[in-house]
Amino acid sequence: TTTPPVVYSGSAMPSMLNVRLYPANDVATQTGVMTGTVTNMMSGKGRFQFDYRGEQLSGEATRVAGNERRGVANAYGLRGTYVNCEYQMTSPVQGTGTCNFNNGAQYQVHIGG
């Protein structure tokens, strides 16, 4: 099966935003600040990816139905690491939230800006 091509109209081209994760507990301070990206596909979904201790994590970010500013993001790595995040956009290109890893690490996340 083939996937039909995605057609963008007007200015609805995907845009990439930087993501910074700041440690919020003792487990997270062992790794320190991390950076990554979220690519907004302009469809209510995006691709979320970053490196965690040498493991590439990737997944998706999705806006919550009925609240276009709120969203959830999840990412997974090939070594079994996973993260669940919740965020709130304050503008189309900036937001904040929290991320919780399966090893107990917690981070504050800043999107864009």
PDB file of N, CA and C in Angstrom:
ATOM      1  N   THR A   1       0.841  -1.187   0.000  1.00  0.00           N
ATOM      2  CA  THR A   1       0.000   0.000   0.000  1.00  0.00           C
ATOM      3  C   THR A   1       0.878   1.238   0.000  1.00  0.00           C
ATOM      4  N   THR A   2       0.401   2.265  -0.659  1.00  0.00           N
ATOM      5  CA  THR A   2       1.144   3.515  -0.686  1.00  0.00           C
ATOM      6  C   THR A   2       0.332   4.582   0.020  1.00  0.00           C
ATOM      7  N   THR A   3       1.053   5.472   0.649  1.00  0.00           N
ATOM      8  CA  THR A   3       0.417   6.580   1.354  1.00  0.00           C
ATOM      9  C   THR A   3       0.274   7.740   0.382  1.00  0.00           C
ATOM     10  N   PRO A   4      -0.907   8.347   0.297  1.00  0.00           N
ATOM     11  CA  PRO A   4      -1.043   9.483  -0.616  1.00  0.00           C
ATOM     12  C   PRO A   4      -0.159  10.636  -0.153  1.00  0.00           C
ATOM     13  N   PRO A   5       0.343  11.436  -1.096  1.00  0.00           N
ATOM     14  CA  PRO A   5       1.199  12.556  -0.717  1.00  0.00           C
ATOM     15  C   PRO A   5       0.427  13.569   0.114  1.00  0.00           C
ATOM     16  N   VAL A   6       1.147  14.206   1.021  1.00  0.00           N
ATOM     17  CA  VAL A   6       0.552  15.254   1.840  1.00  0.00           C
ATOM     18  C   VAL A   6       0.622  16.552   1.057  1.00  0.00           C
ATOM     19  N   VAL A   7      -0.496  17.233   0.939  1.00  0.00           N
ATOM     20  CA  VAL A   7      -0.541  18.484   0.199  1.00  0.00           C
ATOM     21  C   VAL A   7      -0.797  19.614   1.181  1.00  0.00           C
ATOM     22  N   TYR A   8       0.080  20.622   1.159  1.00  0.00           N
ATOM     23  CA  TYR A   8      -0.056  21.773   2.034  1.00  0.00           C
ATOM     24  C   TYR A   8      -0.540  22.952   1.207  1.00  0.00           C
ATOM     25  N   SER A   9      -1.443  23.716   1.763  1.00  0.00           N
ATOM     26  CA  SER A   9      -1.917  24.894   1.044  1.00  0.00           C
ATOM     27  C   SER A   9      -1.556  26.142   1.835  1.00  0.00           C
ATOM     28  N   GLY A  10      -1.309  27.218   1.125  1.00  0.00           N
ATOM     29  CA  GLY A  10      -1.010  28.489   1.786  1.00  0.00           C
ATOM     30  C   GLY A  10       0.242  28.400   2.626  1.00  0.00           C
ATOM     31  N   SER A  11       0.168  28.923   3.855  1.00  0.00           N
ATOM     32  CA  SER A  11       1.332  28.967   4.728  1.00  0.00           C
ATOM     33  C   SER A  11       1.374  27.803   5.707  1.00  0.00           C
ATOM     34  N   ALA A  12       0.599  26.765   5.461  1.00  0.00           N
ATOM     35  CA  ALA A  12       0.516  25.646   6.395  1.00  0.00           C
ATOM     36  C   ALA A  12       1.634  24.631   6.177  1.00  0.00           C
ATOM     37  N   MET A  13       2.849  25.099   5.964  1.00  0.00           N
ATOM     38  CA  MET A  13       3.998  24.210   5.809  1.00  0.00           C
ATOM     39  C   MET A  13       4.476  23.786   7.198  1.00  0.00           C
ATOM     40  N   PRO A  14       5.008  22.561   7.318  1.00  0.00           N
ATOM     41  CA  PRO A  14       5.532  22.130   8.610  1.00  0.00           C
ATOM     42  C   PRO A  14       6.598  23.095   9.116  1.00  0.00           C
ATOM     43  N   SER A  15       6.629  23.277  10.427  1.00  0.00           N
ATOM     44  CA  SER A  15       7.657  24.132  11.014  1.00  0.00           C
ATOM     45  C   SER A  15       8.303  23.399  12.179  1.00  0.00           C
ATOM     46  N   MET A  16       9.612  23.603  12.343  1.00  0.00           N
ATOM     47  CA  MET A  16      10.350  22.937  13.404  1.00  0.00           C
ATOM     48  C   MET A  16      10.577  23.910  14.558  1.00  0.00           C
ATOM     49  N   LEU A  17      10.281  23.440  15.762  1.00  0.00           N
ATOM     50  CA  LEU A  17      10.510  24.232  16.972  1.00  0.00           C
ATOM     51  C   LEU A  17      11.540  23.513  17.829  1.00  0.00           C
ATOM     52  N   ASN A  18      12.435  24.280  18.450  1.00  0.00           N
ATOM     53  CA  ASN A  18      13.390  23.707  19.394  1.00  0.00           C
ATOM     54  C   ASN A  18      12.679  23.380  20.697  1.00  0.00           C
ATOM     55  N   VAL A  19      13.130  22.305  21.334  1.00  0.00           N
ATOM     56  CA  VAL A  19      12.595  21.876  22.624  1.00  0.00           C
ATOM     57  C   VAL A  19      13.772  21.767  23.583  1.00  0.00           C
ATOM     58  N   ARG A  20      13.617  22.340  24.785  1.00  0.00           N
ATOM     59  CA  ARG A  20      14.635  22.226  25.822  1.00  0.00           C
ATOM     60  C   ARG A  20      13.996  21.582  27.051  1.00  0.00           C
ATOM     61  N   LEU A  21      14.667  20.587  27.608  1.00  0.00           N
ATOM     62  CA  LEU A  21      14.187  19.894  28.801  1.00  0.00           C
ATOM     63  C   LEU A  21      15.142  20.191  29.947  1.00  0.00           C
ATOM     64  N   TYR A  22      14.599  20.766  31.021  1.00  0.00           N
ATOM     65  CA  TYR A  22      15.399  21.137  32.190  1.00  0.00           C
ATOM     66  C   TYR A  22      15.082  20.189  33.349  1.00  0.00           C
ATOM     67  N   PRO A  23      16.108  19.677  34.037  1.00  0.00           N
ATOM     68  CA  PRO A  23      15.895  18.742  35.140  1.00  0.00           C
ATOM     69  C   PRO A  23      14.972  19.313  36.214  1.00  0.00           C
ATOM     70  N   ALA A  24      14.058  18.464  36.712  1.00  0.00           N
ATOM     71  CA  ALA A  24      13.130  18.877  37.763  1.00  0.00           C
ATOM     72  C   ALA A  24      13.202  17.963  38.984  1.00  0.00           C
ATOM     73  N   ASN A  25      14.087  16.942  38.962  1.00  0.00           N
ATOM     74  CA  ASN A  25      14.290  16.107  40.150  1.00  0.00           C
ATOM     75  C   ASN A  25      15.715  15.543  40.119  1.00  0.00           C
ATOM     76  N   ASP A  26      16.098  14.837  41.190  1.00  0.00           N
ATOM     77  CA  ASP A  26      17.468  14.339  41.320  1.00  0.00           C
ATOM     78  C   ASP A  26      17.863  13.363  40.215  1.00  0.00           C
ATOM     79  N   VAL A  27      16.936  12.515  39.771  1.00  0.00           N
ATOM     80  CA  VAL A  27      17.256  11.564  38.694  1.00  0.00           C
ATOM     81  C   VAL A  27      17.598  12.332  37.422  1.00  0.00           C
ATOM     82  N   ALA A  28      16.854  13.377  37.122  1.00  0.00           N
ATOM     83  CA  ALA A  28      17.074  14.159  35.899  1.00  0.00           C
ATOM     84  C   ALA A  28      18.377  14.950  35.945  1.00  0.00           C
ATOM     85  N   THR A  29      18.812  15.378  37.132  1.00  0.00           N
ATOM     86  CA  THR A  29      20.043  16.168  37.204  1.00  0.00           C
ATOM     87  C   THR A  29      21.263  15.352  36.779  1.00  0.00           C
ATOM     88  N   GLN A  30      21.183  14.027  36.808  1.00  0.00           N
ATOM     89  CA  GLN A  30      22.286  13.181  36.362  1.00  0.00           C
ATOM     90  C   GLN A  30      22.554  13.354  34.870  1.00  0.00           C
ATOM     91  N   THR A  31      21.528  13.735  34.118  1.00  0.00           N
ATOM     92  CA  THR A  31      21.666  13.934  32.673  1.00  0.00           C
ATOM     93  C   THR A  31      21.834  15.406  32.324  1.00  0.00           C
ATOM     94  N   GLY A  32      21.199  16.290  33.076  1.00  0.00           N
ATOM     95  CA  GLY A  32      21.290  17.722  32.795  1.00  0.00           C
ATOM     96  C   GLY A  32      20.299  18.168  31.741  1.00  0.00           C
ATOM     97  N   VAL A  33      20.528  19.357  31.206  1.00  0.00           N
ATOM     98  CA  VAL A  33      19.630  19.943  30.216  1.00  0.00           C
ATOM     99  C   VAL A  33      19.768  19.189  28.898  1.00  0.00           C
ATOM    100  N   MET A  34      18.642  18.916  28.257  1.00  0.00           N
ATOM    101  CA  MET A  34      18.632  18.250  26.950  1.00  0.00           C
ATOM    102  C   MET A  34      17.921  19.132  25.938  1.00  0.00           C
ATOM    103  N   THR A  35      18.285  18.958  24.680  1.00  0.00           N
ATOM    104  CA  THR A  35      17.616  19.689  23.609  1.00  0.00           C
ATOM    105  C   THR A  35      17.102  18.703  22.568  1.00  0.00           C
ATOM    106  N   GLY A  36      16.070  19.120  21.861  1.00  0.00           N
ATOM    107  CA  GLY A  36      15.496  18.307  20.803  1.00  0.00           C
ATOM    108  C   GLY A  36      14.651  19.181  19.910  1.00  0.00           C
ATOM    109  N   THR A  37      13.784  18.549  19.138  1.00  0.00           N
ATOM    110  CA  THR A  37      12.912  19.292  18.241  1.00  0.00           C
ATOM    111  C   THR A  37      11.518  18.686  18.225  1.00  0.00           C
ATOM    112  N   VAL A  38      10.567  19.520  17.889  1.00  0.00           N
ATOM    113  CA  VAL A  38       9.230  19.062  17.547  1.00  0.00           C
ATOM    114  C   VAL A  38       8.902  19.710  16.209  1.00  0.00           C
ATOM    115  N   THR A  39       8.502  18.900  15.256  1.00  0.00           N
ATOM    116  CA  THR A  39       8.124  19.398  13.944  1.00  0.00           C
ATOM    117  C   THR A  39       6.613  19.449  13.885  1.00  0.00           C
ATOM    118  N   ASN A  40       6.065  20.644  13.804  1.00  0.00           N
ATOM    119  CA  ASN A  40       4.628  20.852  13.747  1.00  0.00           C
ATOM    120  C   ASN A  40       4.168  20.586  12.319  1.00  0.00           C
ATOM    121  N   MET A  41       3.334  19.563  12.138  1.00  0.00           N
ATOM    122  CA  MET A  41       2.873  19.198  10.804  1.00  0.00           C
ATOM    123  C   MET A  41       1.663  20.032  10.367  1.00  0.00           C
ATOM    124  N   MET A  42       1.251  20.984  11.213  1.00  0.00           N
ATOM    125  CA  MET A  42       0.129  21.886  10.938  1.00  0.00           C
ATOM    126  C   MET A  42      -1.187  21.127  10.764  1.00  0.00           C
ATOM    127  N   SER A  43      -1.281  19.976  11.435  1.00  0.00           N
ATOM    128  CA  SER A  43      -2.484  19.157  11.351  1.00  0.00           C
ATOM    129  C   SER A  43      -2.990  18.771  12.743  1.00  0.00           C
ATOM    130  N   GLY A  44      -2.416  19.412  13.786  1.00  0.00           N
ATOM    131  CA  GLY A  44      -2.732  19.011  15.150  1.00  0.00           C
ATOM    132  C   GLY A  44      -1.782  17.953  15.672  1.00  0.00           C
ATOM    133  N   LYS A  45      -0.850  17.506  14.818  1.00  0.00           N
ATOM    134  CA  LYS A  45       0.140  16.504  15.203  1.00  0.00           C
ATOM    135  C   LYS A  45       1.533  17.003  14.852  1.00  0.00           C
ATOM    136  N   GLY A  46       2.520  16.409  15.500  1.00  0.00           N
ATOM    137  CA  GLY A  46       3.901  16.753  15.217  1.00  0.00           C
ATOM    138  C   GLY A  46       4.818  15.591  15.531  1.00  0.00           C
ATOM    139  N   ARG A  47       6.071  15.672  15.068  1.00  0.00           N
ATOM    140  CA  ARG A  47       7.095  14.671  15.371  1.00  0.00           C
ATOM    141  C   ARG A  47       7.983  15.224  16.477  1.00  0.00           C
ATOM    142  N   PHE A  48       8.199  14.440  17.527  1.00  0.00           N
ATOM    143  CA  PHE A  48       8.949  14.830  18.715  1.00  0.00           C
ATOM    144  C   PHE A  48      10.186  13.952  18.768  1.00  0.00           C
ATOM    145  N   GLN A  49      11.394  14.561  18.831  1.00  0.00           N
ATOM    146  CA  GLN A  49      12.606  13.738  18.899  1.00  0.00           C
ATOM    147  C   GLN A  49      13.750  14.455  19.608  1.00  0.00           C
ATOM    148  N   PHE A  50      14.548  13.662  20.320  1.00  0.00           N
ATOM    149  CA  PHE A  50      15.734  14.165  21.003  1.00  0.00           C
ATOM    150  C   PHE A  50      16.588  12.992  21.445  1.00  0.00           C
ATOM    151  N   ASP A  51      17.802  13.301  21.888  1.00  0.00           N
ATOM    152  CA  ASP A  51      18.741  12.291  22.343  1.00  0.00           C
ATOM    153  C   ASP A  51      18.722  12.254  23.874  1.00  0.00           C
ATOM    154  N   TYR A  52      18.590  11.064  24.446  1.00  0.00           N
ATOM    155  CA  TYR A  52      18.606  10.889  25.897  1.00  0.00           C
ATOM    156  C   TYR A  52      19.686   9.868  26.243  1.00  0.00           C
ATOM    157  N   ARG A  53      20.795  10.335  26.797  1.00  0.00           N
ATOM    158  CA  ARG A  53      21.899   9.460  27.204  1.00  0.00           C
ATOM    159  C   ARG A  53      22.380   8.576  26.059  1.00  0.00           C
ATOM    160  N   GLY A  54      22.488   9.153  24.864  1.00  0.00           N
ATOM    161  CA  GLY A  54      22.972   8.411  23.713  1.00  0.00           C
ATOM    162  C   GLY A  54      21.927   7.570  23.006  1.00  0.00           C
ATOM    163  N   GLU A  55      20.700   7.652  23.434  1.00  0.00           N
ATOM    164  CA  GLU A  55      19.605   6.898  22.805  1.00  0.00           C
ATOM    165  C   GLU A  55      18.666   7.885  22.110  1.00  0.00           C
ATOM    166  N   GLN A  56      18.452   7.693  20.814  1.00  0.00           N
ATOM    167  CA  GLN A  56      17.567   8.579  20.067  1.00  0.00           C
ATOM    168  C   GLN A  56      16.117   8.213  20.380  1.00  0.00           C
ATOM    169  N   LEU A  57      15.387   9.169  20.961  1.00  0.00           N
ATOM    170  CA  LEU A  57      13.963   8.959  21.244  1.00  0.00           C
ATOM    171  C   LEU A  57      13.159   9.695  20.184  1.00  0.00           C
ATOM    172  N   SER A  58      12.111   9.069  19.695  1.00  0.00           N
ATOM    173  CA  SER A  58      11.247   9.740  18.731  1.00  0.00           C
ATOM    174  C   SER A  58       9.813   9.296  18.958  1.00  0.00           C
ATOM    175  N   GLY A  59       8.906  10.189  18.614  1.00  0.00           N
ATOM    176  CA  GLY A  59       7.494   9.905  18.792  1.00  0.00           C
ATOM    177  C   GLY A  59       6.661  11.019  18.216  1.00  0.00           C
ATOM    178  N   GLU A  60       5.515  11.252  18.841  1.00  0.00           N
ATOM    179  CA  GLU A  60       4.639  12.279  18.303  1.00  0.00           C
ATOM    180  C   GLU A  60       4.072  13.173  19.386  1.00  0.00           C
ATOM    181  N   ALA A  61       3.701  14.349  18.954  1.00  0.00           N
ATOM    182  CA  ALA A  61       3.023  15.326  19.805  1.00  0.00           C
ATOM    183  C   ALA A  61       1.651  15.564  19.178  1.00  0.00           C
ATOM    184  N   THR A  62       0.621  15.605  20.013  1.00  0.00           N
ATOM    185  CA  THR A  62      -0.740  15.771  19.512  1.00  0.00           C
ATOM    186  C   THR A  62      -1.478  16.789  20.361  1.00  0.00           C
ATOM    187  N   ARG A  63      -2.172  17.699  19.722  1.00  0.00           N
ATOM    188  CA  ARG A  63      -2.991  18.670  20.443  1.00  0.00           C
ATOM    189  C   ARG A  63      -4.251  17.975  20.950  1.00  0.00           C
ATOM    190  N   VAL A  64      -4.715  18.394  22.110  1.00  0.00           N
ATOM    191  CA  VAL A  64      -5.906  17.818  22.730  1.00  0.00           C
ATOM    192  C   VAL A  64      -7.150  18.375  22.036  1.00  0.00           C
ATOM    193  N   ALA A  65      -8.066  17.504  21.659  1.00  0.00           N
ATOM    194  CA  ALA A  65      -9.302  17.935  21.006  1.00  0.00           C
ATOM    195  C   ALA A  65     -10.080  18.863  21.930  1.00  0.00           C
ATOM    196  N   GLY A  66     -10.568  19.950  21.381  1.00  0.00           N
ATOM    197  CA  GLY A  66     -11.346  20.897  22.166  1.00  0.00           C
ATOM    198  C   GLY A  66     -10.503  21.941  22.884  1.00  0.00           C
ATOM    199  N   ASN A  67      -9.170  21.770  22.877  1.00  0.00           N
ATOM    200  CA  ASN A  67      -8.280  22.740  23.503  1.00  0.00           C
ATOM    201  C   ASN A  67      -7.006  22.801  22.676  1.00  0.00           C
ATOM    202  N   GLU A  68      -6.998  23.634  21.647  1.00  0.00           N
ATOM    203  CA  GLU A  68      -5.894  23.685  20.693  1.00  0.00           C
ATOM    204  C   GLU A  68      -4.561  24.097  21.295  1.00  0.00           C
ATOM    205  N   ARG A  69      -4.557  24.655  22.505  1.00  0.00           N
ATOM    206  CA  ARG A  69      -3.289  25.065  23.137  1.00  0.00           C
ATOM    207  C   ARG A  69      -2.649  23.934  23.934  1.00  0.00           C
ATOM    208  N   ARG A  70      -3.428  22.965  24.368  1.00  0.00           N
ATOM    209  CA  ARG A  70      -2.922  21.880  25.208  1.00  0.00           C
ATOM    210  C   ARG A  70      -2.567  20.666  24.362  1.00  0.00           C
ATOM    211  N   GLY A  71      -1.530  19.936  24.776  1.00  0.00           N
ATOM    212  CA  GLY A  71      -1.162  18.748  24.029  1.00  0.00           C
ATOM    213  C   GLY A  71      -0.411  17.740  24.862  1.00  0.00           C
ATOM    214  N   VAL A  72      -0.215  16.576  24.268  1.00  0.00           N
ATOM    215  CA  VAL A  72       0.577  15.505  24.866  1.00  0.00           C
ATOM    216  C   VAL A  72       1.622  15.072  23.850  1.00  0.00           C
ATOM    217  N   ALA A  73       2.761  14.634  24.351  1.00  0.00           N
ATOM    218  CA  ALA A  73       3.828  14.131  23.486  1.00  0.00           C
ATOM    219  C   ALA A  73       4.407  12.877  24.120  1.00  0.00           C
ATOM    220  N   ASN A  74       4.737  11.923  23.293  1.00  0.00           N
ATOM    221  CA  ASN A  74       5.338  10.676  23.737  1.00  0.00           C
ATOM    222  C   ASN A  74       6.479  10.333  22.802  1.00  0.00           C
ATOM    223  N   ALA A  75       7.541   9.763  23.357  1.00  0.00           N
ATOM    224  CA  ALA A  75       8.661   9.331  22.533  1.00  0.00           C
ATOM    225  C   ALA A  75       9.213   8.033  23.113  1.00  0.00           C
ATOM    226  N   TYR A  76       9.861   7.253  22.252  1.00  0.00           N
ATOM    227  CA  TYR A  76      10.366   5.941  22.611  1.00  0.00           C
ATOM    228  C   TYR A  76      11.711   5.716  21.926  1.00  0.00           C
ATOM    229  N   GLY A  77      12.607   5.014  22.599  1.00  0.00           N
ATOM    230  CA  GLY A  77      13.912   4.679  22.027  1.00  0.00           C
ATOM    231  C   GLY A  77      14.078   3.181  21.877  1.00  0.00           C
ATOM    232  N   LEU A  78      15.026   2.769  21.055  1.00  0.00           N
ATOM    233  CA  LEU A  78      15.244   1.347  20.768  1.00  0.00           C
ATOM    234  C   LEU A  78      15.761   0.560  21.968  1.00  0.00           C
ATOM    235  N   ARG A  79      16.298   1.242  22.995  1.00  0.00           N
ATOM    236  CA  ARG A  79      16.758   0.543  24.207  1.00  0.00           C
ATOM    237  C   ARG A  79      15.654   0.440  25.258  1.00  0.00           C
ATOM    238  N   GLY A  80      14.444   0.891  24.917  1.00  0.00           N
ATOM    239  CA  GLY A  80      13.321   0.748  25.836  1.00  0.00           C
ATOM    240  C   GLY A  80      12.996   1.973  26.663  1.00  0.00           C
ATOM    241  N   THR A  81      13.740   3.054  26.482  1.00  0.00           N
ATOM    242  CA  THR A  81      13.444   4.283  27.207  1.00  0.00           C
ATOM    243  C   THR A  81      12.205   4.924  26.603  1.00  0.00           C
ATOM    244  N   TYR A  82      11.326   5.426  27.451  1.00  0.00           N
ATOM    245  CA  TYR A  82      10.179   6.172  26.945  1.00  0.00           C
ATOM    246  C   TYR A  82       9.874   7.355  27.847  1.00  0.00           C
ATOM    247  N   VAL A  83       9.189   8.332  27.276  1.00  0.00           N
ATOM    248  CA  VAL A  83       8.849   9.561  27.985  1.00  0.00           C
ATOM    249  C   VAL A  83       7.427   9.963  27.610  1.00  0.00           C
ATOM    250  N   ASN A  84       6.722  10.505  28.594  1.00  0.00           N
ATOM    251  CA  ASN A  84       5.377  11.053  28.394  1.00  0.00           C
ATOM    252  C   ASN A  84       5.405  12.510  28.827  1.00  0.00           C
ATOM    253  N   CYS A  85       4.917  13.396  27.970  1.00  0.00           N
ATOM    254  CA  CYS A  85       4.925  14.833  28.250  1.00  0.00           C
ATOM    255  C   CYS A  85       3.529  15.423  28.083  1.00  0.00           C
ATOM    256  N   GLU A  86       3.274  16.472  28.839  1.00  0.00           N
ATOM    257  CA  GLU A  86       2.084  17.294  28.664  1.00  0.00           C
ATOM    258  C   GLU A  86       2.564  18.721  28.514  1.00  0.00           C
ATOM    259  N   TYR A  87       1.929  19.475  27.616  1.00  0.00           N
ATOM    260  CA  TYR A  87       2.369  20.843  27.381  1.00  0.00           C
ATOM    261  C   TYR A  87       1.191  21.760  27.099  1.00  0.00           C
ATOM    262  N   GLN A  88       1.448  23.049  27.236  1.00  0.00           N
ATOM    263  CA  GLN A  88       0.473  24.101  26.972  1.00  0.00           C
ATOM    264  C   GLN A  88       1.164  25.142  26.102  1.00  0.00           C
ATOM    265  N   MET A  89       0.603  25.429  24.942  1.00  0.00           N
ATOM    266  CA  MET A  89       1.177  26.440  24.047  1.00  0.00           C
ATOM    267  C   MET A  89       0.650  27.813  24.455  1.00  0.00           C
ATOM    268  N   THR A  90       1.561  28.772  24.593  1.00  0.00           N
ATOM    269  CA  THR A  90       1.165  30.145  24.914  1.00  0.00           C
ATOM    270  C   THR A  90       1.039  30.991  23.658  1.00  0.00           C
ATOM    271  N   SER A  91       1.609  30.485  22.543  1.00  0.00           N
ATOM    272  CA  SER A  91       1.481  31.098  21.223  1.00  0.00           C
ATOM    273  C   SER A  91       1.685  29.964  20.222  1.00  0.00           C
ATOM    274  N   PRO A  92       1.504  30.211  18.926  1.00  0.00           N
ATOM    275  CA  PRO A  92       1.716  29.132  17.954  1.00  0.00           C
ATOM    276  C   PRO A  92       3.146  28.590  17.931  1.00  0.00           C
ATOM    277  N   VAL A  93       4.100  29.345  18.477  1.00  0.00           N
ATOM    278  CA  VAL A  93       5.508  28.923  18.412  1.00  0.00           C
ATOM    279  C   VAL A  93       6.189  28.846  19.774  1.00  0.00           C
ATOM    280  N   GLN A  94       5.424  28.858  20.875  1.00  0.00           N
ATOM    281  CA  GLN A  94       6.043  28.816  22.192  1.00  0.00           C
ATOM    282  C   GLN A  94       5.106  28.149  23.192  1.00  0.00           C
ATOM    283  N   GLY A  95       5.702  27.334  24.098  1.00  0.00           N
ATOM    284  CA  GLY A  95       4.908  26.679  25.128  1.00  0.00           C
ATOM    285  C   GLY A  95       5.786  26.079  26.209  1.00  0.00           C
ATOM    286  N   THR A  96       5.144  25.542  27.247  1.00  0.00           N
ATOM    287  CA  THR A  96       5.849  24.906  28.363  1.00  0.00           C
ATOM    288  C   THR A  96       5.079  23.669  28.804  1.00  0.00           C
ATOM    289  N   GLY A  97       5.758  22.816  29.561  1.00  0.00           N
ATOM    290  CA  GLY A  97       5.099  21.632  30.073  1.00  0.00           C
ATOM    291  C   GLY A  97       6.020  20.801  30.933  1.00  0.00           C
ATOM    292  N   THR A  98       5.651  19.547  31.126  1.00  0.00           N
ATOM    293  CA  THR A  98       6.430  18.611  31.939  1.00  0.00           C
ATOM    294  C   THR A  98       6.598  17.297  31.188  1.00  0.00           C
ATOM    295  N   CYS A  99       7.718  16.627  31.438  1.00  0.00           N
ATOM    296  CA  CYS A  99       8.002  15.321  30.839  1.00  0.00           C
ATOM    297  C   CYS A  99       8.433  14.364  31.941  1.00  0.00           C
ATOM    298  N   ASN A 100       7.890  13.148  31.904  1.00  0.00           N
ATOM    299  CA  ASN A 100       8.210  12.106  32.872  1.00  0.00           C
ATOM    300  C   ASN A 100       8.746  10.880  32.141  1.00  0.00           C
ATOM    301  N   PHE A 101       9.954  10.439  32.532  1.00  0.00           N
ATOM    302  CA  PHE A 101      10.596   9.283  31.916  1.00  0.00           C
ATOM    303  C   PHE A 101      10.303   8.019  32.713  1.00  0.00           C
ATOM    304  N   ASN A 102      10.424   6.866  32.055  1.00  0.00           N
ATOM    305  CA  ASN A 102      10.159   5.592  32.722  1.00  0.00           C
ATOM    306  C   ASN A 102      11.167   5.276  33.815  1.00  0.00           C
ATOM    307  N   ASN A 103      12.315   5.963  33.879  1.00  0.00           N
ATOM    308  CA  ASN A 103      13.287   5.735  34.957  1.00  0.00           C
ATOM    309  C   ASN A 103      13.065   6.675  36.148  1.00  0.00           C
ATOM    310  N   GLY A 104      11.990   7.466  36.105  1.00  0.00           N
ATOM    311  CA  GLY A 104      11.677   8.375  37.198  1.00  0.00           C
ATOM    312  C   GLY A 104      12.162   9.797  36.992  1.00  0.00           C
ATOM    313  N   ALA A 105      12.953  10.064  35.946  1.00  0.00           N
ATOM    314  CA  ALA A 105      13.437  11.414  35.672  1.00  0.00           C
ATOM    315  C   ALA A 105      12.268  12.307  35.274  1.00  0.00           C
ATOM    316  N   GLN A 106      12.262  13.520  35.815  1.00  0.00           N
ATOM    317  CA  GLN A 106      11.227  14.504  35.501  1.00  0.00           C
ATOM    318  C   GLN A 106      11.899  15.784  35.009  1.00  0.00           C
ATOM    319  N   TYR A 107      11.302  16.366  33.984  1.00  0.00           N
ATOM    320  CA  TYR A 107      11.842  17.580  33.362  1.00  0.00           C
ATOM    321  C   TYR A 107      10.744  18.596  33.138  1.00  0.00           C
ATOM    322  N   GLN A 108      11.145  19.872  33.180  1.00  0.00           N
ATOM    323  CA  GLN A 108      10.297  20.961  32.705  1.00  0.00           C
ATOM    324  C   GLN A 108      10.677  21.136  31.239  1.00  0.00           C
ATOM    325  N   VAL A 109       9.694  21.253  30.366  1.00  0.00           N
ATOM    326  CA  VAL A 109       9.977  21.400  28.941  1.00  0.00           C
ATOM    327  C   VAL A 109       9.572  22.780  28.454  1.00  0.00           C
ATOM    328  N   HIS A 110      10.430  23.356  27.628  1.00  0.00           N
ATOM    329  CA  HIS A 110      10.170  24.655  26.992  1.00  0.00           C
ATOM    330  C   HIS A 110      10.209  24.421  25.487  1.00  0.00           C
ATOM    331  N   ILE A 111       9.149  24.833  24.813  1.00  0.00           N
ATOM    332  CA  ILE A 111       9.015  24.645  23.364  1.00  0.00           C
ATOM    333  C   ILE A 111       9.161  25.998  22.685  1.00  0.00           C
ATOM    334  N   GLY A 112       9.986  26.066  21.646  1.00  0.00           N
ATOM    335  CA  GLY A 112      10.144  27.294  20.868  1.00  0.00           C
ATOM    336  C   GLY A 112      10.881  28.364  21.647  1.00  0.00           C
ATOM    337  N   GLY A 113      10.695  29.600  21.183  1.00  0.00           N
ATOM    338  CA  GLY A 113      11.282  30.744  21.860  1.00  0.00           C
ATOM    339  C   GLY A 113      12.758  30.734  21.735  1.00  0.00           C
TER     340      GLY A 113
END
